[in-house]
Amino acid sequence: MRTIAVSAFLLALPCAAQEARFVTVDNDSWFKTDRYYTNGIQFSARTAQDERGELVRRWTNGACRLFGCGDARFMLSQHSVGQLMYTPADITIAAAQPFDRPWAGLLYAERQWLFLAPDGAAITTLTAQAGVTGRLSLAEPAQKLFHRIMDRPAPQGWDHQVGNTLALLVSAERRSAWPLLSGQLAGDVQLRTAGHWRLAAGSIMSYAAVGLSITIGKNLPLVAPAPPGIVNRVTGVETACRWRWVQCTLMLGVEARGMAYNLFLEGRPWKNDPGVKPRRWVGDLTAGLRLDFPGTRGRDHGPWFAQLRATRRTAEFRAPVPVPRHTIGSLTLGVDF
């Protein structure tokens, strides 16, 4: 039922000048847990049309001069809206839990601009995000409604969530191909290795990250994995798998982040919010599989795709009791145009 509703929503969106529409759902229940970063949903639309106004154009051009993409060409922009929610390990406790992750939610709108290097070997992504936390995020009623529908234990502790605030975040990421660690594996199956860095600052969180990704597939772009919805635009050809009715790509990645601030762990500055002592170094291991279905192309839209991802995250905070690592599952379902 959820898949049918999402499909109808994506196809109902206006499609002029769009390259892709997709929805991403994150949830840890796939791994039999209901804690920490427990759920996220984001609806996105990508377009190849350059709709930047004068102010945004000046900002992105200035950022590109700073981050080394001054000679890159505008590739795509993305509009997104979404919601995130965080909970402690035991959601059935109504009392405050000072040694566990605070309850927190975020409702946001996001805009991204992607730029491709002249040689196709680097993609720079600039992101601006604005939203609200606390009760304004609607995370409490959203989780309670979902748990009631799915007959799961009712969340009891939302009275102790991080409070209302305007949440802002800007970030820059550069993903670059590593040719020396890329090449042909067997036949026309390719290996692509790419490194990336990301800088983010704002009232939501501030951090620096570096990472490495490995992609295995056919007809891959130089920078892989490409973000959802732009594979065909980067390569100019369709990827292929073993069978004609499906095209597949395998992705593996690792990322390390140095965290300067995290609102969802530390609460709002100078406010009486619940909070825990954060770990300043956090790491992710990620494995993913993208499936494209060329036979689903229609008169008014391109082929559908699905992307599955599992992320294993190190402990994000310190407490008198052991804090376990956490695993989150992610499903992206979308359609290319």
Protein backbone atom coordinates (compact mmCIF):
# COMPACT_ATOMS: atom_id res chain seq x y z
CA MET A 1 0.00 0.00 0.00
CA ARG A 2 2.81 2.43 0.87
CA THR A 3 4.61 1.65 -2.40
CA ILE A 4 1.45 2.26 -4.44
CA ALA A 5 0.84 5.59 -2.68
CA VAL A 6 4.42 6.72 -3.22
CA SER A 7 4.30 5.74 -6.91
CA ALA A 8 1.09 7.71 -7.43
CA PHE A 9 2.57 10.73 -5.68
CA LEU A 10 5.74 10.71 -7.80
CA LEU A 11 3.86 10.43 -11.07
CA ALA A 12 1.42 13.16 -10.03
CA LEU A 13 4.18 15.76 -9.73
CA PRO A 14 4.68 18.13 -12.68
CA CYS A 15 7.37 16.73 -14.98
CA ALA A 16 8.45 19.71 -17.07
CA ALA A 17 12.23 19.88 -17.37
CA GLN A 18 12.72 17.28 -14.61
CA GLU A 19 15.35 14.59 -14.77
CA ALA A 20 14.08 12.51 -11.84
CA ARG A 21 11.65 12.30 -8.96
CA PHE A 22 12.26 9.99 -6.05
CA VAL A 23 11.44 9.32 -2.41
CA THR A 24 13.90 7.99 0.17
CA VAL A 25 12.78 6.23 3.34
CA ASP A 26 15.23 5.46 6.15
CA ASN A 27 14.31 3.16 9.03
CA ASP A 28 16.20 1.01 11.50
CA SER A 29 13.30 -1.42 12.05
CA TRP A 30 14.66 -3.47 9.13
CA PHE A 31 17.41 -4.49 11.56
CA LYS A 32 15.06 -5.17 14.51
CA THR A 33 15.73 -1.92 16.37
CA ASP A 34 13.76 1.26 17.05
CA ARG A 35 16.26 3.76 18.43
CA TYR A 36 18.65 6.66 17.72
CA TYR A 37 18.20 7.81 14.10
CA THR A 38 15.06 5.75 13.74
CA ASN A 39 13.21 7.17 10.73
CA GLY A 40 13.55 9.62 7.87
CA ILE A 41 11.58 10.37 4.73
CA GLN A 42 12.49 12.72 1.88
CA PHE A 43 10.65 13.58 -1.33
CA SER A 44 12.91 14.97 -4.07
CA ALA A 45 12.73 16.26 -7.65
CA ARG A 46 15.73 16.93 -9.86
CA THR A 47 15.80 19.22 -12.88
CA ALA A 48 18.43 20.03 -15.49
CA GLN A 49 17.03 23.51 -15.98
CA ASP A 50 19.14 26.25 -14.41
CA GLU A 51 16.56 28.15 -12.35
CA ARG A 52 19.00 29.99 -10.10
CA GLY A 53 18.10 33.60 -9.35
CA GLU A 54 20.73 36.32 -9.25
CA LEU A 55 21.36 36.01 -5.50
CA VAL A 56 21.65 32.21 -5.58
CA ARG A 57 23.84 32.38 -8.68
CA ARG A 58 26.26 34.75 -6.93
CA TRP A 59 26.32 32.52 -3.86
CA THR A 60 26.94 29.27 -5.76
CA ASN A 61 29.55 30.90 -8.03
CA GLY A 62 31.36 32.25 -4.99
CA ALA A 63 31.22 28.87 -3.26
CA CYS A 64 32.56 27.17 -6.39
CA ARG A 65 35.52 29.54 -6.53
CA LEU A 66 36.25 28.60 -2.91
CA PHE A 67 35.79 24.84 -3.31
CA GLY A 68 37.46 24.32 -6.66
CA CYS A 69 34.50 24.04 -9.02
CA GLY A 70 34.80 27.46 -10.65
CA ASP A 71 35.26 25.91 -14.10
CA ALA A 72 32.55 23.25 -13.62
CA ARG A 73 29.30 23.41 -15.54
CA PHE A 74 25.90 23.51 -13.89
CA MET A 75 24.44 20.04 -14.07
CA LEU A 76 21.30 19.67 -11.96
CA SER A 77 19.40 21.18 -9.09
CA GLN A 78 17.29 19.31 -6.56
CA HIS A 79 14.30 20.38 -4.46
CA SER A 80 13.51 18.25 -1.40
CA VAL A 81 11.23 18.22 1.62
CA GLY A 82 11.61 15.75 4.45
CA GLN A 83 11.31 14.78 8.07
CA LEU A 84 13.79 13.10 10.44
CA MET A 85 13.22 11.67 13.90
CA TYR A 86 15.52 10.50 16.69
CA THR A 87 14.63 8.55 19.84
CA PRO A 88 16.32 6.81 22.78
CA ALA A 89 16.70 3.02 22.81
CA ASP A 90 13.52 2.41 24.84
CA ILE A 91 10.62 4.45 23.48
CA THR A 92 8.13 3.06 26.04
CA ILE A 93 9.64 5.06 28.94
CA ALA A 94 7.74 8.31 29.59
CA ALA A 95 10.30 9.74 32.05
CA ALA A 96 13.41 11.65 31.02
CA GLN A 97 16.39 9.45 30.05
CA PRO A 98 19.46 11.61 30.72
CA PHE A 99 21.95 8.91 29.68
CA ASP A 100 20.33 8.05 26.36
CA ARG A 101 19.86 9.87 23.08
CA PRO A 102 17.32 12.71 23.33
CA TRP A 103 14.01 12.67 21.48
CA ALA A 104 14.27 15.03 18.51
CA GLY A 105 12.66 15.76 15.17
CA LEU A 106 13.31 17.91 12.10
CA LEU A 107 10.93 19.06 9.36
CA TYR A 108 12.86 20.69 6.52
CA ALA A 109 13.08 21.95 2.97
CA GLU A 110 16.34 21.59 1.04
CA ARG A 111 17.87 22.84 -2.18
CA GLN A 112 20.94 21.34 -3.87
CA TRP A 113 22.98 22.43 -6.87
CA LEU A 114 25.26 19.94 -8.65
CA PHE A 115 28.24 20.92 -10.83
CA LEU A 116 30.23 18.59 -13.10
CA ALA A 117 33.94 19.15 -13.77
CA PRO A 118 34.94 19.68 -17.45
CA ASP A 119 36.61 16.25 -17.59
CA GLY A 120 33.66 14.53 -15.87
CA ALA A 121 35.92 13.34 -13.05
CA ALA A 122 34.40 15.36 -10.17
CA ILE A 123 30.94 16.35 -8.96
CA THR A 124 30.52 19.23 -6.51
CA THR A 125 27.26 19.50 -4.57
CA LEU A 126 26.23 22.66 -2.73
CA THR A 127 23.33 22.33 -0.27
CA ALA A 128 21.16 24.78 1.67
CA GLN A 129 18.65 23.45 4.19
CA ALA A 130 16.12 25.20 6.45
CA GLY A 131 13.63 23.66 8.84
CA VAL A 132 12.16 23.51 12.33
CA THR A 133 12.79 21.23 15.30
CA GLY A 134 10.77 20.42 18.40
CA ARG A 135 7.00 20.06 18.32
CA LEU A 136 6.94 22.14 15.14
CA SER A 137 8.69 19.26 13.35
CA LEU A 138 5.56 17.07 13.79
CA ALA A 139 7.82 14.10 14.53
CA GLU A 140 5.78 13.15 17.61
CA PRO A 141 2.37 12.80 15.89
CA ALA A 142 4.00 11.18 12.84
CA GLN A 143 5.66 8.45 14.89
CA LYS A 144 2.62 7.87 17.09
CA LEU A 145 0.35 7.55 14.05
CA PHE A 146 2.70 5.11 12.32
CA HIS A 147 3.05 2.96 15.43
CA ARG A 148 -0.71 2.90 15.93
CA ILE A 149 -1.31 1.84 12.32
CA MET A 150 1.41 -0.82 12.45
CA ASP A 151 0.39 -2.00 15.95
CA ARG A 152 3.77 -1.24 17.48
CA PRO A 153 4.55 -0.01 21.03
CA ALA A 154 3.40 3.59 21.55
CA PRO A 155 6.22 6.17 21.94
CA GLN A 156 5.93 7.69 25.42
CA GLY A 157 8.75 10.19 25.90
CA TRP A 158 8.17 12.99 23.38
CA ASP A 159 7.62 15.48 26.25
CA HIS A 160 11.41 15.41 26.62
CA GLN A 161 12.37 16.28 23.04
CA VAL A 162 14.79 18.96 21.86
CA GLY A 163 12.77 22.18 21.69
CA ASN A 164 11.51 24.39 18.88
CA THR A 165 14.06 26.31 16.85
CA LEU A 166 14.77 27.44 13.31
CA ALA A 167 17.26 24.93 11.92
CA LEU A 168 19.72 25.98 9.19
CA LEU A 169 22.49 24.09 7.43
CA VAL A 170 24.76 24.76 4.46
CA SER A 171 27.25 22.26 3.07
CA ALA A 172 29.65 21.61 0.22
CA GLU A 173 30.72 18.19 -1.03
CA ARG A 174 33.23 17.25 -3.70
CA ARG A 175 33.33 13.69 -5.04
CA SER A 176 36.31 12.88 -7.28
CA ALA A 177 37.22 9.82 -9.33
CA TRP A 178 40.36 7.87 -8.43
CA PRO A 179 41.53 6.48 -11.82
CA LEU A 180 44.43 4.47 -10.36
CA LEU A 181 41.96 2.37 -8.34
CA SER A 182 39.44 2.01 -11.16
CA GLY A 183 39.28 -0.18 -14.23
CA GLN A 184 37.82 -3.29 -15.85
CA LEU A 185 37.13 -6.32 -13.66
CA ALA A 186 35.86 -9.00 -16.04
CA GLY A 187 34.39 -8.55 -19.48
CA ASP A 188 32.51 -5.25 -19.48
CA VAL A 189 32.07 -5.16 -15.68
CA GLN A 190 33.79 -2.06 -14.28
CA LEU A 191 35.20 -0.96 -10.96
CA ARG A 192 35.03 2.73 -10.02
CA THR A 193 36.67 4.20 -6.93
CA ALA A 194 35.94 7.74 -5.76
CA GLY A 195 36.94 9.82 -2.78
CA HIS A 196 34.93 12.63 -1.27
CA TRP A 197 35.02 15.34 1.34
CA ARG A 198 32.18 17.36 2.84
CA LEU A 199 32.02 20.47 5.00
CA ALA A 200 28.80 21.43 6.79
CA ALA A 201 27.95 24.29 9.15
CA GLY A 202 24.77 25.55 10.73
CA SER A 203 22.47 25.49 13.72
CA ILE A 204 21.60 21.82 13.04
CA MET A 205 25.18 20.53 13.06
CA SER A 206 28.71 21.41 12.02
CA TYR A 207 31.23 18.83 10.85
CA ALA A 208 33.90 17.81 8.35
CA ALA A 209 33.86 14.44 6.59
CA VAL A 210 36.04 12.38 4.28
CA GLY A 211 35.20 9.09 2.63
CA LEU A 212 35.79 6.51 -0.05
CA SER A 213 33.33 4.62 -2.25
CA ILE A 214 33.66 1.61 -4.55
CA THR A 215 31.14 0.92 -7.30
CA ILE A 216 30.82 -2.21 -9.45
CA GLY A 217 28.66 -2.27 -12.56
CA LYS A 218 28.57 -1.68 -16.28
CA ASN A 219 28.89 1.55 -18.29
CA LEU A 220 29.61 3.51 -15.11
CA PRO A 221 30.37 7.23 -15.06
CA LEU A 222 33.85 8.33 -13.97
CA VAL A 223 32.42 9.51 -10.63
CA ALA A 224 30.45 6.65 -9.14
CA PRO A 225 28.14 6.13 -7.44
CA ALA A 226 26.31 8.99 -9.11
CA PRO A 227 23.44 10.44 -7.05
CA PRO A 228 19.97 8.94 -7.70
CA GLY A 229 18.38 10.08 -10.91
CA ILE A 230 21.46 11.23 -12.84
CA VAL A 231 23.16 7.99 -13.93
CA ASN A 232 21.89 8.13 -17.49
CA ARG A 233 22.63 11.83 -17.77
CA VAL A 234 26.26 11.37 -16.70
CA THR A 235 27.02 8.34 -18.85
CA GLY A 236 24.82 8.96 -21.87
CA VAL A 237 24.16 5.21 -22.01
CA GLU A 238 22.15 2.81 -19.91
CA THR A 239 23.77 0.61 -17.31
CA ALA A 240 23.26 -3.13 -17.66
CA CYS A 241 23.13 -6.19 -15.46
CA ARG A 242 22.94 -9.90 -16.16
CA TRP A 243 19.33 -9.78 -17.34
CA ARG A 244 17.72 -7.49 -19.89
CA TRP A 245 14.79 -6.55 -17.63
CA VAL A 246 16.98 -5.18 -14.83
CA GLN A 247 20.15 -3.11 -14.67
CA CYS A 248 22.16 -3.19 -11.43
CA THR A 249 25.01 -1.46 -9.66
CA LEU A 250 26.70 -2.46 -6.39
CA MET A 251 28.09 0.23 -4.07
CA LEU A 252 30.32 0.04 -0.98
CA GLY A 253 31.49 3.03 1.04
CA VAL A 254 33.16 4.28 4.19
CA GLU A 255 33.03 7.75 5.75
CA ALA A 256 34.63 9.36 8.81
CA ARG A 257 33.25 12.59 10.32
CA GLY A 258 34.67 15.01 12.84
CA MET A 259 31.67 16.50 14.64
CA ALA A 260 31.95 19.99 16.08
CA TYR A 261 28.25 20.27 17.02
CA ASN A 262 25.09 18.18 16.75
CA LEU A 263 21.78 19.73 17.80
CA PHE A 264 20.11 16.32 18.00
CA LEU A 265 22.60 15.14 20.64
CA GLU A 266 23.51 18.33 22.51
CA GLY A 267 20.26 20.29 22.31
CA ARG A 268 19.92 23.99 21.63
CA PRO A 269 22.67 26.23 23.03
CA TRP A 270 21.77 28.02 26.27
CA LYS A 271 18.44 26.19 26.52
CA ASN A 272 17.23 23.61 29.01
CA ASP A 273 17.12 20.82 26.44
CA PRO A 274 17.91 17.15 27.10
CA GLY A 275 21.34 16.22 25.85
CA VAL A 276 24.20 13.72 26.04
CA LYS A 277 27.95 13.96 25.63
CA PRO A 278 28.68 13.49 21.92
CA ARG A 279 31.56 11.60 20.41
CA ARG A 280 33.53 13.91 18.17
CA TRP A 281 34.54 11.17 15.72
CA VAL A 282 31.88 9.07 13.99
CA GLY A 283 32.19 6.55 11.18
CA ASP A 284 29.85 4.87 8.67
CA LEU A 285 30.17 1.68 6.63
CA THR A 286 27.68 1.52 3.76
CA ALA A 287 26.61 -1.16 1.29
CA GLY A 288 24.06 -0.49 -1.43
CA LEU A 289 22.45 -1.90 -4.56
CA ARG A 290 20.74 0.12 -7.30
CA LEU A 291 18.28 -1.58 -9.64
CA ASP A 292 16.98 0.06 -12.84
CA PHE A 293 14.02 -1.38 -14.72
CA PRO A 294 14.19 -0.28 -18.39
CA GLY A 295 10.90 -2.00 -19.26
CA THR A 296 8.96 0.40 -17.00
CA ARG A 297 9.55 3.38 -19.28
CA GLY A 298 6.23 5.02 -20.15
CA ARG A 299 4.94 7.64 -22.56
CA ASP A 300 5.24 10.40 -19.96
CA HIS A 301 8.15 9.18 -17.89
CA GLY A 302 11.41 7.29 -18.01
CA PRO A 303 12.34 4.02 -16.29
CA TRP A 304 11.76 3.36 -12.59
CA PHE A 305 14.64 2.59 -10.28
CA ALA A 306 15.09 1.33 -6.72
CA GLN A 307 18.12 1.78 -4.51
CA LEU A 308 18.71 -0.23 -1.33
CA ARG A 309 21.30 0.80 1.23
CA ALA A 310 22.41 -0.37 4.67
CA THR A 311 24.55 1.88 6.89
CA ARG A 312 26.43 0.68 9.98
CA ARG A 313 27.25 3.66 12.24
CA THR A 314 29.61 3.82 15.19
CA ALA A 315 28.38 5.04 18.58
CA GLU A 316 27.56 8.76 18.45
CA PHE A 317 27.56 9.60 22.16
CA ARG A 318 29.01 8.56 25.52
CA ALA A 319 27.06 7.22 28.51
CA PRO A 320 27.69 5.27 31.76
CA VAL A 321 26.31 2.18 30.01
CA PRO A 322 27.58 0.79 26.68
CA VAL A 323 26.23 2.59 23.60
CA PRO A 324 25.85 0.13 20.72
CA ARG A 325 26.59 0.74 17.08
CA HIS A 326 23.54 1.33 14.97
CA THR A 327 22.37 0.09 11.56
CA ILE A 328 19.92 1.95 9.34
CA GLY A 329 18.23 0.66 6.22
CA SER A 330 17.32 2.94 3.33
CA LEU A 331 15.10 2.53 0.29
CA THR A 332 15.00 5.02 -2.59
CA LEU A 333 12.23 4.57 -5.14
CA GLY A 334 12.04 6.89 -8.13
CA VAL A 335 11.56 7.51 -11.79
CA ASP A 336 13.93 9.08 -14.32
CA PHE A 337 12.83 11.63 -16.95
